[in-house]
Amino acid sequence: MAKTSGVPFQGTKEQEKQLREKLAELKDVQGGLMPALQEAQAIYGYLPKEVQIIIAEVMGVSLEEVYGVVSFYAQFTIVPKGKYKIGVCLGTACYVKGSGEVLAEVEKVLGIKAGQITSDAKFSIDATRCIGCCGLAPVMTVNDDVYGRITAKDVAGILAKYN
């Protein structure tokens, strides 16, 4: 399996109970693995190995099959995300207009790299593909908030709103 963020898994008994209830509803449904993974990610926020093992056992499939689906589809993540999920678009329009510098500044301000989470689990960064806001290039998102036509100089001020 791919290396995760190094943050130890901290699932609760309540989350596991909720997951097992959802899996019980889906275990005999043809094609139920995808909805099972979606439900698990909704419960935990990501799909660590511990959760994948439960899914494999209950759904009656191999851990390799579960991981194969998780690693194939971009909607799934094995890395925990922060309370504030930052996305910096590296699509062509954004990149040409300086999103690489914006991403570098976000990494510098937070002290982490794209794909990582801060030690307090407050922020995570993802380098994303086109998000469809090319007219606002370069674009950065924080959860559902979209910031367009930004420069590296704008990053600290934007992130300060979330502290």
N, C-alpha and C. Protein backbone atom coordinates (compact mmCIF):
# COMPACT_ATOMS: atom_id res chain seq x y z
N MET A 1 0.83 -1.19 0.00
CA MET A 1 0.00 0.00 0.00
C MET A 1 0.87 1.25 0.00
N ALA A 2 0.32 2.30 -0.55
CA ALA A 2 1.04 3.57 -0.60
C ALA A 2 1.18 4.14 0.81
N LYS A 3 2.23 4.90 1.01
CA LYS A 3 2.47 5.53 2.30
C LYS A 3 1.45 6.64 2.53
N THR A 4 0.89 6.69 3.72
CA THR A 4 -0.04 7.76 4.05
C THR A 4 0.72 8.89 4.71
N SER A 5 0.01 9.78 5.35
CA SER A 5 0.61 11.00 5.87
C SER A 5 1.46 10.82 7.11
N GLY A 6 1.42 9.66 7.73
CA GLY A 6 2.15 9.47 8.97
C GLY A 6 1.30 9.81 10.18
N VAL A 7 0.10 10.34 9.96
CA VAL A 7 -0.82 10.64 11.05
C VAL A 7 -1.47 9.32 11.45
N PRO A 8 -1.38 8.95 12.74
CA PRO A 8 -1.97 7.67 13.15
C PRO A 8 -3.49 7.68 13.01
N PHE A 9 -4.04 6.53 12.64
CA PHE A 9 -5.49 6.39 12.49
C PHE A 9 -6.15 6.55 13.85
N GLN A 10 -7.20 7.36 13.89
CA GLN A 10 -7.88 7.63 15.15
C GLN A 10 -9.39 7.48 15.02
N GLY A 11 -9.83 6.38 14.42
CA GLY A 11 -11.26 6.14 14.30
C GLY A 11 -11.87 5.82 15.65
N THR A 12 -13.16 6.14 15.77
CA THR A 12 -13.87 5.87 17.02
C THR A 12 -14.73 4.61 16.89
N LYS A 13 -15.16 4.09 18.02
CA LYS A 13 -16.05 2.93 18.03
C LYS A 13 -17.38 3.29 17.37
N GLU A 14 -17.83 4.52 17.57
CA GLU A 14 -19.08 4.98 16.96
C GLU A 14 -18.96 5.01 15.43
N GLN A 15 -17.81 5.47 14.93
CA GLN A 15 -17.60 5.47 13.48
C GLN A 15 -17.60 4.05 12.94
N GLU A 16 -16.93 3.14 13.65
CA GLU A 16 -16.89 1.76 13.19
C GLU A 16 -18.28 1.14 13.20
N LYS A 17 -19.05 1.43 14.23
CA LYS A 17 -20.43 0.91 14.30
C LYS A 17 -21.24 1.43 13.12
N GLN A 18 -21.13 2.72 12.85
CA GLN A 18 -21.84 3.33 11.73
C GLN A 18 -21.41 2.69 10.41
N LEU A 19 -20.10 2.47 10.24
CA LEU A 19 -19.59 1.85 9.02
C LEU A 19 -20.15 0.44 8.87
N ARG A 20 -20.08 -0.34 9.92
CA ARG A 20 -20.54 -1.73 9.84
C ARG A 20 -22.04 -1.80 9.52
N GLU A 21 -22.82 -0.86 10.04
CA GLU A 21 -24.26 -0.82 9.71
C GLU A 21 -24.47 -0.55 8.22
N LYS A 22 -23.72 0.40 7.67
CA LYS A 22 -23.82 0.73 6.24
C LYS A 22 -23.37 -0.45 5.39
N LEU A 23 -22.28 -1.09 5.81
CA LEU A 23 -21.76 -2.22 5.04
C LEU A 23 -22.74 -3.39 5.05
N ALA A 24 -23.43 -3.59 6.16
CA ALA A 24 -24.41 -4.67 6.25
C ALA A 24 -25.52 -4.47 5.21
N GLU A 25 -25.88 -3.21 4.97
CA GLU A 25 -26.90 -2.90 3.97
C GLU A 25 -26.40 -3.15 2.54
N LEU A 26 -25.10 -3.04 2.34
CA LEU A 26 -24.53 -3.08 0.99
C LEU A 26 -23.85 -4.40 0.62
N LYS A 27 -23.61 -5.26 1.61
CA LYS A 27 -22.76 -6.43 1.33
C LYS A 27 -23.33 -7.39 0.30
N ASP A 28 -24.62 -7.45 0.15
CA ASP A 28 -25.21 -8.36 -0.84
C ASP A 28 -25.69 -7.63 -2.09
N VAL A 29 -25.40 -6.36 -2.19
CA VAL A 29 -25.79 -5.56 -3.35
C VAL A 29 -24.72 -5.69 -4.43
N GLN A 30 -25.15 -6.05 -5.64
CA GLN A 30 -24.19 -6.15 -6.74
C GLN A 30 -23.60 -4.76 -6.99
N GLY A 31 -22.27 -4.68 -7.08
CA GLY A 31 -21.60 -3.39 -7.27
C GLY A 31 -21.57 -2.57 -5.99
N GLY A 32 -21.73 -3.21 -4.86
CA GLY A 32 -21.81 -2.49 -3.58
C GLY A 32 -20.50 -1.95 -3.05
N LEU A 33 -19.38 -2.35 -3.65
CA LEU A 33 -18.10 -1.89 -3.13
C LEU A 33 -17.93 -0.38 -3.26
N MET A 34 -18.28 0.18 -4.41
CA MET A 34 -18.15 1.64 -4.59
C MET A 34 -18.98 2.41 -3.57
N PRO A 35 -20.28 2.10 -3.43
CA PRO A 35 -21.05 2.82 -2.40
C PRO A 35 -20.51 2.58 -0.99
N ALA A 36 -19.98 1.39 -0.74
CA ALA A 36 -19.39 1.11 0.57
C ALA A 36 -18.20 2.03 0.84
N LEU A 37 -17.35 2.18 -0.16
CA LEU A 37 -16.19 3.06 -0.02
C LEU A 37 -16.62 4.52 0.14
N GLN A 38 -17.64 4.92 -0.60
CA GLN A 38 -18.14 6.29 -0.49
C GLN A 38 -18.70 6.54 0.91
N GLU A 39 -19.45 5.58 1.42
CA GLU A 39 -19.99 5.71 2.78
C GLU A 39 -18.87 5.78 3.81
N ALA A 40 -17.87 4.92 3.65
CA ALA A 40 -16.74 4.90 4.60
C ALA A 40 -16.00 6.22 4.58
N GLN A 41 -15.77 6.75 3.39
CA GLN A 41 -15.06 8.03 3.31
C GLN A 41 -15.90 9.15 3.91
N ALA A 42 -17.22 9.09 3.75
CA ALA A 42 -18.09 10.10 4.35
C ALA A 42 -18.00 10.03 5.89
N ILE A 43 -17.86 8.84 6.42
CA ILE A 43 -17.78 8.65 7.88
C ILE A 43 -16.43 9.09 8.42
N TYR A 44 -15.35 8.67 7.79
CA TYR A 44 -14.00 8.91 8.31
C TYR A 44 -13.28 10.09 7.69
N GLY A 45 -13.71 10.51 6.50
CA GLY A 45 -13.03 11.59 5.81
C GLY A 45 -11.92 11.11 4.90
N TYR A 46 -11.54 9.87 5.03
CA TYR A 46 -10.52 9.24 4.19
C TYR A 46 -10.61 7.74 4.41
N LEU A 47 -9.78 6.97 3.68
CA LEU A 47 -9.86 5.52 3.73
C LEU A 47 -8.53 4.89 4.14
N PRO A 48 -8.21 4.94 5.42
CA PRO A 48 -6.96 4.32 5.88
C PRO A 48 -7.04 2.80 5.76
N LYS A 49 -5.89 2.17 5.86
CA LYS A 49 -5.81 0.71 5.72
C LYS A 49 -6.75 0.01 6.70
N GLU A 50 -6.85 0.51 7.92
CA GLU A 50 -7.71 -0.12 8.93
C GLU A 50 -9.16 -0.18 8.46
N VAL A 51 -9.62 0.87 7.81
CA VAL A 51 -10.99 0.92 7.30
C VAL A 51 -11.13 0.01 6.07
N GLN A 52 -10.13 0.00 5.22
CA GLN A 52 -10.17 -0.87 4.05
C GLN A 52 -10.24 -2.34 4.45
N ILE A 53 -9.57 -2.70 5.53
CA ILE A 53 -9.60 -4.08 6.02
C ILE A 53 -11.02 -4.46 6.44
N ILE A 54 -11.68 -3.57 7.17
CA ILE A 54 -13.07 -3.83 7.60
C ILE A 54 -13.96 -4.00 6.38
N ILE A 55 -13.81 -3.11 5.40
CA ILE A 55 -14.63 -3.18 4.18
C ILE A 55 -14.40 -4.50 3.46
N ALA A 56 -13.16 -4.90 3.31
CA ALA A 56 -12.84 -6.16 2.63
C ALA A 56 -13.49 -7.34 3.34
N GLU A 57 -13.35 -7.37 4.65
CA GLU A 57 -13.90 -8.49 5.43
C GLU A 57 -15.42 -8.56 5.31
N VAL A 58 -16.09 -7.44 5.52
CA VAL A 58 -17.55 -7.44 5.51
C VAL A 58 -18.11 -7.66 4.10
N MET A 59 -17.47 -7.06 3.11
CA MET A 59 -17.97 -7.16 1.73
C MET A 59 -17.56 -8.47 1.06
N GLY A 60 -16.66 -9.23 1.71
CA GLY A 60 -16.26 -10.53 1.16
C GLY A 60 -15.36 -10.43 -0.07
N VAL A 61 -14.52 -9.40 -0.07
CA VAL A 61 -13.56 -9.23 -1.17
C VAL A 61 -12.17 -9.12 -0.57
N SER A 62 -11.17 -9.21 -1.43
CA SER A 62 -9.80 -9.12 -0.93
C SER A 62 -9.43 -7.66 -0.63
N LEU A 63 -8.48 -7.49 0.27
CA LEU A 63 -7.96 -6.16 0.56
C LEU A 63 -7.35 -5.55 -0.69
N GLU A 64 -6.74 -6.39 -1.53
CA GLU A 64 -6.14 -5.91 -2.78
C GLU A 64 -7.20 -5.32 -3.70
N GLU A 65 -8.36 -5.95 -3.75
CA GLU A 65 -9.45 -5.42 -4.59
C GLU A 65 -9.93 -4.08 -4.06
N VAL A 66 -10.09 -3.98 -2.75
CA VAL A 66 -10.52 -2.72 -2.14
C VAL A 66 -9.50 -1.63 -2.45
N TYR A 67 -8.23 -1.92 -2.20
CA TYR A 67 -7.19 -0.93 -2.44
C TYR A 67 -7.10 -0.57 -3.92
N GLY A 68 -7.32 -1.53 -4.80
CA GLY A 68 -7.30 -1.27 -6.24
C GLY A 68 -8.34 -0.24 -6.63
N VAL A 69 -9.52 -0.35 -6.07
CA VAL A 69 -10.58 0.63 -6.35
C VAL A 69 -10.25 1.98 -5.73
N VAL A 70 -9.80 1.96 -4.48
CA VAL A 70 -9.45 3.20 -3.78
C VAL A 70 -8.36 3.96 -4.52
N SER A 71 -7.35 3.24 -4.97
CA SER A 71 -6.23 3.92 -5.62
C SER A 71 -6.52 4.31 -7.07
N PHE A 72 -7.54 3.72 -7.69
CA PHE A 72 -7.87 4.03 -9.07
C PHE A 72 -8.70 5.30 -9.19
N TYR A 73 -9.66 5.48 -8.31
CA TYR A 73 -10.59 6.60 -8.43
C TYR A 73 -10.12 7.80 -7.62
N ALA A 74 -10.08 8.96 -8.28
CA ALA A 74 -9.58 10.19 -7.65
C ALA A 74 -10.47 10.67 -6.51
N GLN A 75 -11.72 10.23 -6.46
CA GLN A 75 -12.62 10.68 -5.39
C GLN A 75 -12.23 10.11 -4.02
N PHE A 76 -11.42 9.06 -4.02
CA PHE A 76 -11.02 8.44 -2.76
C PHE A 76 -9.63 8.89 -2.36
N THR A 77 -9.42 8.98 -1.04
CA THR A 77 -8.11 9.35 -0.53
C THR A 77 -7.74 8.46 0.65
N ILE A 78 -6.46 8.09 0.71
CA ILE A 78 -5.96 7.32 1.85
C ILE A 78 -5.24 8.24 2.84
N VAL A 79 -5.22 9.51 2.52
CA VAL A 79 -4.54 10.50 3.35
C VAL A 79 -5.60 11.37 4.02
N PRO A 80 -5.52 11.56 5.33
CA PRO A 80 -6.52 12.42 5.98
C PRO A 80 -6.43 13.84 5.45
N LYS A 81 -7.56 14.51 5.45
CA LYS A 81 -7.62 15.90 5.01
C LYS A 81 -7.85 16.79 6.23
N GLY A 82 -7.39 18.03 6.13
CA GLY A 82 -7.54 18.97 7.22
C GLY A 82 -8.94 19.53 7.30
N LYS A 83 -9.19 20.25 8.36
CA LYS A 83 -10.47 20.95 8.52
C LYS A 83 -10.66 21.89 7.34
N TYR A 84 -9.57 22.51 6.92
CA TYR A 84 -9.58 23.40 5.77
C TYR A 84 -8.77 22.73 4.65
N LYS A 85 -9.48 22.33 3.59
CA LYS A 85 -8.86 21.65 2.46
C LYS A 85 -8.51 22.69 1.41
N ILE A 86 -7.23 22.89 1.20
CA ILE A 86 -6.75 23.88 0.24
C ILE A 86 -6.43 23.17 -1.06
N GLY A 87 -6.94 23.73 -2.14
CA GLY A 87 -6.63 23.22 -3.46
C GLY A 87 -6.05 24.34 -4.30
N VAL A 88 -4.92 24.09 -4.90
CA VAL A 88 -4.32 25.06 -5.82
C VAL A 88 -4.35 24.44 -7.20
N CYS A 89 -5.07 25.10 -8.12
CA CYS A 89 -5.23 24.57 -9.47
C CYS A 89 -3.92 24.69 -10.24
N LEU A 90 -3.50 23.57 -10.80
CA LEU A 90 -2.30 23.56 -11.64
C LEU A 90 -2.66 23.26 -13.10
N GLY A 91 -3.95 23.48 -13.43
CA GLY A 91 -4.37 23.35 -14.82
C GLY A 91 -3.61 24.37 -15.67
N THR A 92 -3.65 24.20 -16.97
CA THR A 92 -2.84 25.03 -17.87
C THR A 92 -3.03 26.52 -17.67
N ALA A 93 -4.27 27.01 -17.68
CA ALA A 93 -4.51 28.45 -17.54
C ALA A 93 -3.98 28.97 -16.22
N CYS A 94 -4.24 28.26 -15.14
CA CYS A 94 -3.76 28.70 -13.83
C CYS A 94 -2.24 28.64 -13.74
N TYR A 95 -1.67 27.57 -14.26
CA TYR A 95 -0.23 27.40 -14.18
C TYR A 95 0.49 28.51 -14.95
N VAL A 96 0.01 28.81 -16.14
CA VAL A 96 0.62 29.85 -16.96
C VAL A 96 0.56 31.21 -16.26
N LYS A 97 -0.50 31.39 -15.46
CA LYS A 97 -0.67 32.68 -14.78
C LYS A 97 -0.08 32.69 -13.37
N GLY A 98 0.68 31.65 -12.98
CA GLY A 98 1.44 31.71 -11.74
C GLY A 98 0.98 30.84 -10.58
N SER A 99 0.16 29.83 -10.84
CA SER A 99 -0.30 29.02 -9.72
C SER A 99 0.82 28.19 -9.09
N GLY A 100 1.89 27.94 -9.82
CA GLY A 100 3.03 27.23 -9.23
C GLY A 100 3.64 28.03 -8.09
N GLU A 101 3.73 29.33 -8.26
CA GLU A 101 4.25 30.21 -7.20
C GLU A 101 3.26 30.29 -6.04
N VAL A 102 1.96 30.28 -6.36
CA VAL A 102 0.94 30.30 -5.30
C VAL A 102 1.06 29.03 -4.46
N LEU A 103 1.17 27.87 -5.12
CA LEU A 103 1.32 26.61 -4.39
C LEU A 103 2.57 26.63 -3.52
N ALA A 104 3.67 27.09 -4.06
CA ALA A 104 4.92 27.15 -3.29
C ALA A 104 4.75 28.03 -2.06
N GLU A 105 4.02 29.11 -2.17
CA GLU A 105 3.80 30.01 -1.04
C GLU A 105 2.89 29.37 0.01
N VAL A 106 1.85 28.68 -0.42
CA VAL A 106 0.97 27.96 0.52
C VAL A 106 1.80 26.95 1.30
N GLU A 107 2.64 26.19 0.60
CA GLU A 107 3.49 25.20 1.26
C GLU A 107 4.43 25.88 2.26
N LYS A 108 4.99 27.01 1.88
CA LYS A 108 5.91 27.74 2.75
C LYS A 108 5.19 28.26 4.01
N VAL A 109 4.02 28.86 3.81
CA VAL A 109 3.28 29.43 4.94
C VAL A 109 2.85 28.35 5.92
N LEU A 110 2.40 27.21 5.40
CA LEU A 110 1.89 26.14 6.27
C LEU A 110 2.97 25.16 6.73
N GLY A 111 4.12 25.17 6.06
CA GLY A 111 5.20 24.28 6.45
C GLY A 111 4.97 22.83 6.07
N ILE A 112 4.12 22.60 5.07
CA ILE A 112 3.87 21.25 4.57
C ILE A 112 3.87 21.29 3.04
N LYS A 113 3.93 20.12 2.43
CA LYS A 113 3.90 20.00 0.98
C LYS A 113 2.52 19.56 0.52
N ALA A 114 2.25 19.73 -0.77
CA ALA A 114 1.00 19.25 -1.35
C ALA A 114 0.84 17.76 -1.04
N GLY A 115 -0.37 17.37 -0.67
CA GLY A 115 -0.64 15.98 -0.30
C GLY A 115 -0.46 15.71 1.19
N GLN A 116 -0.09 16.75 1.95
CA GLN A 116 0.14 16.57 3.38
C GLN A 116 -0.89 17.34 4.19
N ILE A 117 -0.87 17.10 5.49
CA ILE A 117 -1.77 17.74 6.44
C ILE A 117 -0.93 18.32 7.57
N THR A 118 -1.34 19.46 8.10
CA THR A 118 -0.60 20.05 9.21
C THR A 118 -0.76 19.17 10.45
N SER A 119 0.19 19.26 11.37
CA SER A 119 0.18 18.39 12.55
C SER A 119 -1.06 18.59 13.42
N ASP A 120 -1.68 19.77 13.35
CA ASP A 120 -2.90 20.01 14.12
C ASP A 120 -4.16 19.63 13.34
N ALA A 121 -3.98 19.07 12.13
CA ALA A 121 -5.07 18.64 11.25
C ALA A 121 -5.97 19.80 10.81
N LYS A 122 -5.46 21.00 10.89
CA LYS A 122 -6.26 22.16 10.50
C LYS A 122 -6.26 22.37 8.99
N PHE A 123 -5.10 22.18 8.34
CA PHE A 123 -4.99 22.43 6.90
C PHE A 123 -4.40 21.22 6.18
N SER A 124 -4.89 21.01 4.96
CA SER A 124 -4.25 20.08 4.04
C SER A 124 -4.20 20.78 2.69
N ILE A 125 -3.21 20.39 1.89
CA ILE A 125 -3.01 21.01 0.58
C ILE A 125 -3.07 19.94 -0.51
N ASP A 126 -3.76 20.27 -1.59
CA ASP A 126 -3.76 19.42 -2.77
C ASP A 126 -3.47 20.27 -3.99
N ALA A 127 -2.59 19.78 -4.83
CA ALA A 127 -2.39 20.37 -6.15
C ALA A 127 -3.45 19.74 -7.03
N THR A 128 -4.35 20.54 -7.58
CA THR A 128 -5.49 20.01 -8.32
C THR A 128 -5.34 20.24 -9.81
N ARG A 129 -6.17 19.58 -10.54
CA ARG A 129 -6.29 19.82 -11.98
C ARG A 129 -7.36 20.90 -12.17
N CYS A 130 -7.66 21.21 -13.39
CA CYS A 130 -8.60 22.28 -13.71
C CYS A 130 -9.90 22.13 -12.91
N ILE A 131 -10.31 23.23 -12.30
CA ILE A 131 -11.58 23.23 -11.56
C ILE A 131 -12.65 24.03 -12.29
N GLY A 132 -12.34 24.46 -13.50
CA GLY A 132 -13.34 25.13 -14.33
C GLY A 132 -13.50 26.61 -14.08
N CYS A 133 -12.51 27.23 -13.50
CA CYS A 133 -12.56 28.67 -13.23
C CYS A 133 -11.44 29.38 -13.99
N CYS A 134 -11.21 28.95 -15.20
CA CYS A 134 -10.05 29.43 -15.97
C CYS A 134 -10.03 30.95 -16.14
N GLY A 135 -11.20 31.56 -16.19
CA GLY A 135 -11.28 33.01 -16.32
C GLY A 135 -10.80 33.75 -15.08
N LEU A 136 -10.67 33.02 -13.97
CA LEU A 136 -10.20 33.61 -12.71
C LEU A 136 -8.77 33.23 -12.40
N ALA A 137 -8.08 32.62 -13.34
CA ALA A 137 -6.73 32.07 -13.12
C ALA A 137 -5.77 33.14 -12.60
N PRO A 138 -4.89 32.72 -11.69
CA PRO A 138 -4.81 31.43 -11.00
C PRO A 138 -5.80 31.34 -9.84
N VAL A 139 -6.23 30.12 -9.55
CA VAL A 139 -7.29 29.89 -8.57
C VAL A 139 -6.80 28.99 -7.44
N MET A 140 -7.25 29.36 -6.23
CA MET A 140 -7.02 28.55 -5.04
C MET A 140 -8.37 28.39 -4.36
N THR A 141 -8.64 27.21 -3.82
CA THR A 141 -9.86 27.00 -3.06
C THR A 141 -9.50 26.65 -1.62
N VAL A 142 -10.37 27.04 -0.72
CA VAL A 142 -10.30 26.61 0.67
C VAL A 142 -11.71 26.10 0.98
N ASN A 143 -11.82 24.78 1.10
CA ASN A 143 -13.12 24.12 1.17
C ASN A 143 -13.96 24.58 -0.02
N ASP A 144 -15.09 25.25 0.21
CA ASP A 144 -15.94 25.68 -0.91
C ASP A 144 -15.70 27.12 -1.32
N ASP A 145 -14.75 27.79 -0.69
CA ASP A 145 -14.45 29.18 -1.04
C ASP A 145 -13.44 29.21 -2.19
N VAL A 146 -13.72 30.03 -3.20
CA VAL A 146 -12.85 30.12 -4.38
C VAL A 146 -12.19 31.49 -4.39
N TYR A 147 -10.87 31.49 -4.54
CA TYR A 147 -10.09 32.73 -4.62
C TYR A 147 -9.44 32.77 -5.99
N GLY A 148 -9.79 33.79 -6.78
CA GLY A 148 -9.26 33.90 -8.13
C GLY A 148 -8.39 35.12 -8.32
N ARG A 149 -7.62 35.05 -9.39
CA ARG A 149 -6.68 36.11 -9.76
C ARG A 149 -5.76 36.48 -8.59
N ILE A 150 -5.24 35.45 -7.94
CA ILE A 150 -4.38 35.68 -6.78
C ILE A 150 -2.92 35.55 -7.16
N THR A 151 -2.08 36.07 -6.29
CA THR A 151 -0.64 35.92 -6.43
C THR A 151 -0.10 35.32 -5.14
N ALA A 152 1.15 34.99 -5.13
CA ALA A 152 1.79 34.45 -3.93
C ALA A 152 1.66 35.43 -2.76
N LYS A 153 1.65 36.72 -3.07
CA LYS A 153 1.54 37.74 -2.02
C LYS A 153 0.18 37.71 -1.31
N ASP A 154 -0.84 37.15 -1.95
CA ASP A 154 -2.19 37.09 -1.37
C ASP A 154 -2.38 35.92 -0.40
N VAL A 155 -1.50 34.93 -0.48
CA VAL A 155 -1.71 33.66 0.23
C VAL A 155 -1.81 33.84 1.74
N ALA A 156 -0.87 34.53 2.37
CA ALA A 156 -0.88 34.66 3.83
C ALA A 156 -2.18 35.30 4.32
N GLY A 157 -2.64 36.32 3.63
CA GLY A 157 -3.88 36.99 4.01
C GLY A 157 -5.09 36.10 3.89
N ILE A 158 -5.12 35.31 2.83
CA ILE A 158 -6.24 34.37 2.65
C ILE A 158 -6.24 33.33 3.75
N LEU A 159 -5.09 32.74 4.02
CA LEU A 159 -5.01 31.69 5.04
C LEU A 159 -5.30 32.23 6.44
N ALA A 160 -4.98 33.49 6.69
CA ALA A 160 -5.23 34.09 8.00
C ALA A 160 -6.72 34.10 8.33
N LYS A 161 -7.57 34.13 7.32
CA LYS A 161 -9.03 34.10 7.53
C LYS A 161 -9.48 32.82 8.20
N TYR A 162 -8.67 31.77 8.09
CA TYR A 162 -9.06 30.46 8.59
C TYR A 162 -8.36 30.06 9.89
N ASN A 163 -7.61 30.98 10.45
CA ASN A 163 -6.91 30.69 11.72
C ASN A 163 -7.75 31.06 12.91
